[in-house]
Amino acid sequence: MRTSTQLDTATSTGATRLPDALCTHTPTCPTAYSPDREAARVVAAHPEQGWSLLCNAVLVFDDTGELLPDGRIIAPHRHLAAV
């Protein structure tokens, strides 16, 4: 049974989002599966551990890697420095 406090609230598009109570800003954050998912607002930051939780339930890491709510991993994608 799902409750409104669970992190994986299903939407009509099949994407997962945090409950609306945690995403109260306008416009709402992009979903975890949108190309612009990193534009979501930070709801919990732990720089000492190297990660932040975004409003769309994506974990972003200091090395630019990401962990999506369904467990998929997005490899780090930082720009290479000019040599």
N, C-alpha and C. Protein backbone atom coordinates (compact mmCIF):
# COMPACT_ATOMS: atom_id res chain seq x y z
N MET A 1 0.84 -1.18 0.00
CA MET A 1 0.00 0.00 0.00
C MET A 1 0.88 1.24 0.00
N ARG A 2 0.63 2.15 -0.90
CA ARG A 2 1.41 3.38 -0.99
C ARG A 2 0.81 4.46 -0.11
N THR A 3 1.67 5.26 0.47
CA THR A 3 1.20 6.41 1.24
C THR A 3 1.80 7.66 0.64
N SER A 4 1.30 8.79 1.02
CA SER A 4 1.79 10.05 0.46
C SER A 4 3.20 10.38 0.94
N THR A 5 3.71 9.67 1.93
CA THR A 5 5.04 9.97 2.43
C THR A 5 6.12 9.14 1.76
N GLN A 6 5.76 8.20 0.89
CA GLN A 6 6.78 7.40 0.22
C GLN A 6 7.50 8.22 -0.83
N LEU A 7 8.77 7.90 -1.06
CA LEU A 7 9.57 8.64 -2.01
C LEU A 7 9.20 8.36 -3.45
N ASP A 8 8.64 7.21 -3.75
CA ASP A 8 8.39 6.86 -5.15
C ASP A 8 6.92 6.95 -5.50
N THR A 9 6.39 8.14 -5.51
CA THR A 9 5.01 8.36 -5.89
C THR A 9 4.91 8.28 -7.41
N ALA A 10 4.07 7.40 -7.92
CA ALA A 10 3.95 7.21 -9.37
C ALA A 10 3.17 8.37 -9.98
N THR A 11 3.56 8.74 -11.19
CA THR A 11 2.85 9.77 -11.93
C THR A 11 2.25 9.15 -13.18
N SER A 12 1.48 9.90 -13.90
CA SER A 12 0.83 9.37 -15.09
C SER A 12 1.83 9.04 -16.19
N THR A 13 3.03 9.60 -16.14
CA THR A 13 4.04 9.32 -17.15
C THR A 13 4.91 8.13 -16.77
N GLY A 14 4.70 7.56 -15.61
CA GLY A 14 5.49 6.43 -15.17
C GLY A 14 6.76 6.84 -14.44
N ALA A 15 7.07 8.12 -14.40
CA ALA A 15 8.26 8.59 -13.70
C ALA A 15 7.96 8.66 -12.21
N THR A 16 9.01 8.66 -11.41
CA THR A 16 8.82 8.75 -9.97
C THR A 16 9.24 10.12 -9.49
N ARG A 17 8.56 10.61 -8.48
CA ARG A 17 8.83 11.92 -7.91
C ARG A 17 8.65 11.84 -6.41
N LEU A 18 9.22 12.80 -5.73
CA LEU A 18 8.95 12.93 -4.32
C LEU A 18 7.52 13.43 -4.15
N PRO A 19 6.93 13.24 -2.99
CA PRO A 19 5.57 13.77 -2.78
C PRO A 19 5.54 15.27 -3.06
N ASP A 20 4.40 15.76 -3.52
CA ASP A 20 4.27 17.17 -3.86
C ASP A 20 4.62 18.08 -2.70
N ALA A 21 4.45 17.62 -1.47
CA ALA A 21 4.76 18.45 -0.31
C ALA A 21 6.24 18.83 -0.27
N LEU A 22 7.12 18.02 -0.88
CA LEU A 22 8.54 18.33 -0.90
C LEU A 22 8.94 19.13 -2.13
N CYS A 23 8.07 19.22 -3.11
CA CYS A 23 8.34 19.97 -4.33
C CYS A 23 7.25 21.04 -4.45
N THR A 24 7.36 22.06 -3.62
CA THR A 24 6.30 23.07 -3.53
C THR A 24 6.59 24.30 -4.37
N HIS A 25 7.73 24.34 -5.03
CA HIS A 25 8.07 25.52 -5.81
C HIS A 25 7.43 25.47 -7.20
N THR A 26 7.40 26.63 -7.82
CA THR A 26 6.82 26.74 -9.16
C THR A 26 7.87 27.34 -10.08
N PRO A 27 8.08 26.77 -11.23
CA PRO A 27 7.48 25.55 -11.76
C PRO A 27 8.04 24.32 -11.05
N THR A 28 7.33 23.23 -11.17
CA THR A 28 7.78 22.00 -10.50
C THR A 28 9.06 21.50 -11.15
N CYS A 29 9.77 20.69 -10.41
CA CYS A 29 11.06 20.17 -10.89
C CYS A 29 10.86 19.20 -12.05
N PRO A 30 11.86 19.10 -12.92
CA PRO A 30 11.79 18.08 -13.98
C PRO A 30 11.83 16.70 -13.35
N THR A 31 11.27 15.73 -14.03
CA THR A 31 11.27 14.36 -13.49
C THR A 31 12.68 13.80 -13.48
N ALA A 32 12.84 12.71 -12.79
CA ALA A 32 14.14 12.05 -12.69
C ALA A 32 14.61 11.52 -14.03
N TYR A 33 13.71 11.36 -14.98
CA TYR A 33 14.07 10.77 -16.27
C TYR A 33 14.10 11.80 -17.39
N SER A 34 13.95 13.06 -17.05
CA SER A 34 14.06 14.14 -18.04
C SER A 34 15.54 14.42 -18.31
N PRO A 35 15.86 14.89 -19.51
CA PRO A 35 17.25 15.23 -19.79
C PRO A 35 17.79 16.34 -18.88
N ASP A 36 16.90 17.20 -18.39
CA ASP A 36 17.32 18.30 -17.52
C ASP A 36 17.10 17.99 -16.03
N ARG A 37 17.17 16.72 -15.66
CA ARG A 37 16.89 16.30 -14.27
C ARG A 37 17.77 16.99 -13.25
N GLU A 38 18.98 17.41 -13.63
CA GLU A 38 19.88 18.06 -12.69
C GLU A 38 19.43 19.47 -12.31
N ALA A 39 18.41 19.99 -12.99
CA ALA A 39 17.89 21.32 -12.69
C ALA A 39 16.96 21.32 -11.48
N ALA A 40 16.62 20.15 -10.97
CA ALA A 40 15.76 20.07 -9.79
C ALA A 40 16.47 20.67 -8.58
N ARG A 41 15.71 21.14 -7.65
CA ARG A 41 16.27 21.76 -6.45
C ARG A 41 16.80 20.73 -5.47
N VAL A 42 17.79 21.12 -4.72
CA VAL A 42 18.39 20.26 -3.70
C VAL A 42 17.49 20.27 -2.46
N VAL A 43 17.15 19.09 -1.95
CA VAL A 43 16.36 19.01 -0.71
C VAL A 43 17.22 18.53 0.45
N ALA A 44 18.34 17.88 0.17
CA ALA A 44 19.27 17.47 1.21
C ALA A 44 20.67 17.46 0.63
N ALA A 45 21.57 18.20 1.24
CA ALA A 45 22.95 18.26 0.76
C ALA A 45 23.89 17.70 1.82
N HIS A 46 24.81 16.87 1.38
CA HIS A 46 25.83 16.30 2.27
C HIS A 46 27.18 16.43 1.59
N PRO A 47 27.70 17.66 1.49
CA PRO A 47 28.97 17.87 0.79
C PRO A 47 30.13 17.12 1.44
N GLU A 48 30.05 16.89 2.74
CA GLU A 48 31.11 16.15 3.42
C GLU A 48 31.16 14.70 2.96
N GLN A 49 30.05 14.19 2.43
CA GLN A 49 29.97 12.84 1.89
C GLN A 49 29.97 12.82 0.37
N GLY A 50 29.85 13.99 -0.24
CA GLY A 50 29.95 14.09 -1.69
C GLY A 50 28.68 13.83 -2.46
N TRP A 51 27.50 14.04 -1.85
CA TRP A 51 26.25 13.82 -2.59
C TRP A 51 25.17 14.78 -2.14
N SER A 52 24.16 14.91 -3.01
CA SER A 52 22.97 15.72 -2.71
C SER A 52 21.75 15.00 -3.24
N LEU A 53 20.63 15.14 -2.55
CA LEU A 53 19.35 14.59 -2.99
C LEU A 53 18.55 15.72 -3.61
N LEU A 54 18.10 15.50 -4.84
CA LEU A 54 17.28 16.49 -5.53
C LEU A 54 15.81 16.24 -5.27
N CYS A 55 14.99 17.23 -5.55
CA CYS A 55 13.56 17.16 -5.33
C CYS A 55 12.88 16.07 -6.16
N ASN A 56 13.51 15.63 -7.23
CA ASN A 56 12.94 14.57 -8.07
C ASN A 56 13.47 13.20 -7.70
N ALA A 57 14.07 13.06 -6.52
CA ALA A 57 14.58 11.81 -5.96
C ALA A 57 15.84 11.30 -6.64
N VAL A 58 16.55 12.16 -7.34
CA VAL A 58 17.83 11.79 -7.95
C VAL A 58 18.94 12.14 -6.96
N LEU A 59 19.89 11.21 -6.79
CA LEU A 59 21.08 11.49 -6.01
C LEU A 59 22.16 11.92 -6.98
N VAL A 60 22.73 13.09 -6.75
CA VAL A 60 23.84 13.55 -7.58
C VAL A 60 25.10 13.56 -6.72
N PHE A 61 26.20 13.16 -7.33
CA PHE A 61 27.46 13.05 -6.62
C PHE A 61 28.43 14.12 -7.11
N ASP A 62 29.41 14.44 -6.28
CA ASP A 62 30.38 15.49 -6.61
C ASP A 62 31.14 15.19 -7.89
N ASP A 63 31.29 13.92 -8.25
CA ASP A 63 32.00 13.58 -9.48
C ASP A 63 31.11 13.67 -10.71
N THR A 64 29.89 14.18 -10.56
CA THR A 64 28.84 14.37 -11.57
C THR A 64 28.12 13.08 -11.93
N GLY A 65 28.37 12.01 -11.23
CA GLY A 65 27.58 10.80 -11.42
C GLY A 65 26.22 10.97 -10.76
N GLU A 66 25.27 10.12 -11.16
CA GLU A 66 23.91 10.21 -10.61
C GLU A 66 23.35 8.82 -10.35
N LEU A 67 22.45 8.74 -9.40
CA LEU A 67 21.71 7.53 -9.11
C LEU A 67 20.23 7.87 -9.24
N LEU A 68 19.55 7.22 -10.17
CA LEU A 68 18.13 7.49 -10.41
C LEU A 68 17.28 6.71 -9.42
N PRO A 69 16.03 7.11 -9.20
CA PRO A 69 15.17 6.44 -8.22
C PRO A 69 14.96 4.95 -8.49
N ASP A 70 15.04 4.52 -9.75
CA ASP A 70 14.84 3.11 -10.05
C ASP A 70 16.12 2.29 -9.92
N GLY A 71 17.21 2.92 -9.47
CA GLY A 71 18.47 2.23 -9.25
C GLY A 71 19.45 2.32 -10.40
N ARG A 72 19.03 2.91 -11.53
CA ARG A 72 19.96 3.06 -12.66
C ARG A 72 21.04 4.07 -12.31
N ILE A 73 22.22 3.83 -12.86
CA ILE A 73 23.38 4.68 -12.61
C ILE A 73 23.68 5.49 -13.86
N ILE A 74 23.93 6.77 -13.68
CA ILE A 74 24.40 7.64 -14.75
C ILE A 74 25.87 7.90 -14.45
N ALA A 75 26.74 7.50 -15.36
CA ALA A 75 28.18 7.65 -15.15
C ALA A 75 28.56 9.11 -15.04
N PRO A 76 29.65 9.41 -14.34
CA PRO A 76 30.12 10.80 -14.27
C PRO A 76 30.30 11.36 -15.67
N HIS A 77 29.96 12.63 -15.83
CA HIS A 77 30.01 13.25 -17.14
C HIS A 77 30.60 14.67 -17.07
N ARG A 78 31.65 14.80 -16.30
CA ARG A 78 32.29 16.11 -16.22
C ARG A 78 33.09 16.38 -17.47
N HIS A 79 33.26 17.64 -17.76
CA HIS A 79 34.00 18.05 -18.94
C HIS A 79 35.48 17.81 -18.72
N LEU A 80 36.15 17.37 -19.76
CA LEU A 80 37.59 17.17 -19.68
C LEU A 80 38.31 18.51 -19.73
N ALA A 81 39.34 18.64 -18.95
CA ALA A 81 40.13 19.87 -18.94
C ALA A 81 40.95 19.94 -20.23
N ALA A 82 41.17 21.15 -20.69
CA ALA A 82 41.99 21.35 -21.87
C ALA A 82 43.43 20.98 -21.55
N VAL A 83 44.08 20.29 -22.46
CA VAL A 83 45.44 19.83 -22.21
C VAL A 83 46.43 20.82 -22.77
